[in-house]
Amino acid sequence: MPSNYDGSPPPVSQSRTLIVRVNTTQTQEFLVLSRVPYGQWIHWWGRRSHECVKDKAFCQKCADSWPDKWKGYLHCLTDCGRTECFLELTKTAIEAIEAKMIDGQGWRGMRVRISRTSGGAKGRYLIDLLEARADPEKIPQPRDPVDVLRYLWNAKKTPVQTA
């Protein structure tokens, strides 16, 4: 097949998996690929999250008494199955989904519709589980969010000032 370029072709675009936080009243739908949520303790400082290992001997932010919270991540498809993402949810939202799940049905293949009562992080989650489920054998394999989170935690770090 002939190339569309003279010389060297451009580099191949790297796919990026996004962390999605539902912060609007606009409803968003997700197809869950995960078998179970991935739990992670994080620290918040300003508008950024930072990794927490919940051990003051190894976590300087715990030793410095930074605020922490638990977040759950689900590997999902969104945008009609075109885009992979990791849906970030609070413990309360994860528990609300679990309370609506039918016994014996797992997370994988579940379709969920989520919005907030008001814009921003202060609104309560509105969660609906849709009856139509995807066949777990026919959807992509799940991934955990560790690599994406570590990339984000290390991006845009404040540069060390030298005298």
Protein backbone atom coordinates (compact mmCIF):
# COMPACT_ATOMS: atom_id res chain seq x y z
CA MET A 1 0.00 0.00 0.00
CA PRO A 2 1.53 3.36 -0.96
CA SER A 3 2.37 5.85 1.78
CA ASN A 4 0.51 9.13 2.10
CA TYR A 5 3.79 10.86 2.94
CA ASP A 6 7.10 11.63 1.25
CA GLY A 7 10.04 10.97 3.54
CA SER A 8 9.32 9.67 7.02
CA PRO A 9 5.72 9.10 8.09
CA PRO A 10 4.58 10.70 11.37
CA PRO A 11 4.83 8.67 14.56
CA VAL A 12 1.97 6.35 15.41
CA SER A 13 -0.47 7.95 17.85
CA GLN A 14 -0.27 6.41 21.28
CA SER A 15 -3.57 5.52 22.84
CA ARG A 16 -4.19 7.22 26.15
CA THR A 17 -6.53 5.83 28.72
CA LEU A 18 -8.22 8.59 30.64
CA ILE A 19 -9.31 8.83 34.25
CA VAL A 20 -12.96 9.93 34.14
CA ARG A 21 -14.67 11.68 37.04
CA VAL A 22 -18.40 12.26 36.71
CA ASN A 23 -18.79 15.88 37.85
CA THR A 24 -21.79 17.07 35.85
CA THR A 25 -25.52 16.65 35.81
CA GLN A 26 -25.18 15.29 32.26
CA THR A 27 -25.75 11.53 32.25
CA GLN A 28 -22.85 9.36 31.11
CA GLU A 29 -23.00 5.66 30.26
CA PHE A 30 -20.25 3.12 30.82
CA LEU A 31 -19.73 -0.54 29.96
CA VAL A 32 -17.72 -2.08 32.79
CA LEU A 33 -14.78 -4.26 31.72
CA SER A 34 -13.40 -4.80 35.25
CA ARG A 35 -14.12 -7.95 37.21
CA VAL A 36 -14.10 -5.93 40.46
CA PRO A 37 -13.24 -2.31 41.34
CA TYR A 38 -9.58 -1.45 41.86
CA GLY A 39 -9.17 0.35 45.19
CA GLN A 40 -6.48 2.98 45.76
CA TRP A 41 -5.73 5.34 48.63
CA ILE A 42 -4.78 8.81 47.42
CA HIS A 43 -3.77 12.16 48.88
CA TRP A 44 -5.30 15.40 47.64
CA TRP A 45 -3.40 18.63 47.72
CA GLY A 46 -4.78 21.56 45.81
CA ARG A 47 -6.32 20.18 42.63
CA ARG A 48 -3.99 17.20 42.26
CA SER A 49 -4.00 13.66 43.57
CA HIS A 50 -0.91 11.88 44.83
CA GLU A 51 -0.26 8.22 45.60
CA CYS A 52 -0.66 6.97 49.16
CA VAL A 53 0.73 3.67 50.42
CA LYS A 54 -0.95 4.02 53.88
CA ASP A 55 2.33 3.45 55.72
CA LYS A 56 4.00 6.45 57.36
CA ALA A 57 7.37 4.72 57.08
CA PHE A 58 7.10 4.74 53.27
CA CYS A 59 4.61 7.54 52.51
CA GLN A 60 6.02 11.00 53.15
CA LYS A 61 2.60 12.56 52.54
CA CYS A 62 1.10 10.43 55.34
CA ALA A 63 4.00 11.44 57.59
CA ASP A 64 3.27 15.10 56.71
CA SER A 65 -0.47 14.56 57.55
CA TRP A 66 -1.80 15.28 54.06
CA PRO A 67 -5.53 14.48 53.73
CA ASP A 68 -6.27 11.10 52.20
CA LYS A 69 -9.26 9.26 50.75
CA TRP A 70 -10.08 5.98 49.07
CA LYS A 71 -11.11 5.89 45.42
CA GLY A 72 -12.39 2.96 43.37
CA TYR A 73 -11.53 2.60 39.67
CA LEU A 74 -13.43 0.63 37.05
CA HIS A 75 -11.95 -0.09 33.62
CA CYS A 76 -14.76 0.86 31.23
CA LEU A 77 -15.74 1.63 27.68
CA THR A 78 -17.59 4.88 27.00
CA ASP A 79 -18.66 6.89 23.95
CA CYS A 80 -20.67 3.97 22.54
CA GLY A 81 -17.78 1.57 23.13
CA ARG A 82 -15.13 3.60 21.31
CA THR A 83 -13.07 4.96 24.21
CA GLU A 84 -11.40 3.12 27.08
CA CYS A 85 -11.30 4.88 30.41
CA PHE A 86 -10.94 4.32 34.12
CA LEU A 87 -14.03 5.55 35.94
CA GLU A 88 -13.08 7.04 39.31
CA LEU A 89 -15.74 6.63 41.99
CA THR A 90 -16.01 7.23 45.71
CA LYS A 91 -16.59 4.47 48.24
CA THR A 92 -20.22 5.60 48.54
CA ALA A 93 -20.77 5.33 44.75
CA ILE A 94 -19.19 1.85 44.63
CA GLU A 95 -21.44 0.74 47.49
CA ALA A 96 -24.51 2.23 45.75
CA ILE A 97 -23.75 0.20 42.62
CA GLU A 98 -23.20 -2.96 44.68
CA ALA A 99 -26.55 -2.42 46.44
CA LYS A 100 -28.33 -2.31 43.06
CA MET A 101 -26.57 -5.36 41.62
CA ILE A 102 -28.56 -8.59 41.36
CA ASP A 103 -27.03 -11.45 43.35
CA GLY A 104 -24.73 -13.53 41.20
CA GLN A 105 -24.16 -10.85 38.58
CA GLY A 106 -20.63 -9.59 38.52
CA TRP A 107 -19.26 -6.22 37.52
CA ARG A 108 -17.89 -7.34 34.14
CA GLY A 109 -20.32 -6.63 31.31
CA MET A 110 -22.55 -4.39 33.43
CA ARG A 111 -23.85 -1.18 31.85
CA VAL A 112 -24.16 1.75 34.21
CA ARG A 113 -25.57 5.25 33.78
CA ILE A 114 -24.15 7.89 36.15
CA SER A 115 -24.67 11.61 36.76
CA ARG A 116 -24.57 14.03 39.69
CA THR A 117 -27.39 15.96 41.38
CA SER A 118 -25.51 19.21 40.82
CA GLY A 119 -22.34 20.09 38.98
CA GLY A 120 -19.00 19.56 40.68
CA ALA A 121 -17.68 17.11 43.20
CA LYS A 122 -20.21 18.03 45.90
CA GLY A 123 -23.26 16.65 44.07
CA ARG A 124 -24.57 13.20 44.98
CA TYR A 125 -24.26 10.40 42.46
CA LEU A 126 -27.35 9.28 40.56
CA ILE A 127 -26.71 5.70 39.44
CA ASP A 128 -28.81 3.42 37.26
CA LEU A 129 -27.85 -0.10 36.26
CA LEU A 130 -29.15 -0.93 32.81
CA GLU A 131 -30.77 -4.30 32.18
CA ALA A 132 -28.85 -4.99 28.97
CA ARG A 133 -25.52 -6.55 29.83
CA ALA A 134 -22.62 -7.31 27.51
CA ASP A 135 -21.31 -10.84 27.12
CA PRO A 136 -18.10 -10.92 29.23
CA GLU A 137 -16.48 -13.19 26.62
CA LYS A 138 -16.96 -10.64 23.83
CA ILE A 139 -15.60 -7.46 25.47
CA PRO A 140 -11.94 -6.41 25.90
CA GLN A 141 -9.94 -7.81 28.78
CA PRO A 142 -9.80 -5.65 31.92
CA ARG A 143 -6.75 -3.67 33.00
CA ASP A 144 -5.85 -2.07 36.29
CA PRO A 145 -5.26 1.70 36.45
CA VAL A 146 -1.87 1.68 38.20
CA ASP A 147 0.24 2.67 35.18
CA VAL A 148 -2.13 5.50 34.21
CA LEU A 149 -2.35 6.78 37.79
CA ARG A 150 1.43 6.69 38.26
CA TYR A 151 1.86 8.59 35.01
CA LEU A 152 -0.56 11.26 36.22
CA TRP A 153 1.00 11.43 39.69
CA ASN A 154 4.43 12.01 38.15
CA ALA A 155 3.28 14.48 35.49
CA LYS A 156 3.60 18.21 36.10
CA LYS A 157 5.47 17.82 39.34
CA THR A 158 6.62 21.09 40.81
CA PRO A 159 10.23 21.59 39.70
CA VAL A 160 12.84 21.66 42.42
CA GLN A 161 14.18 25.17 42.82
CA THR A 162 17.92 25.51 43.07
CA ALA A 163 19.63 28.42 44.78
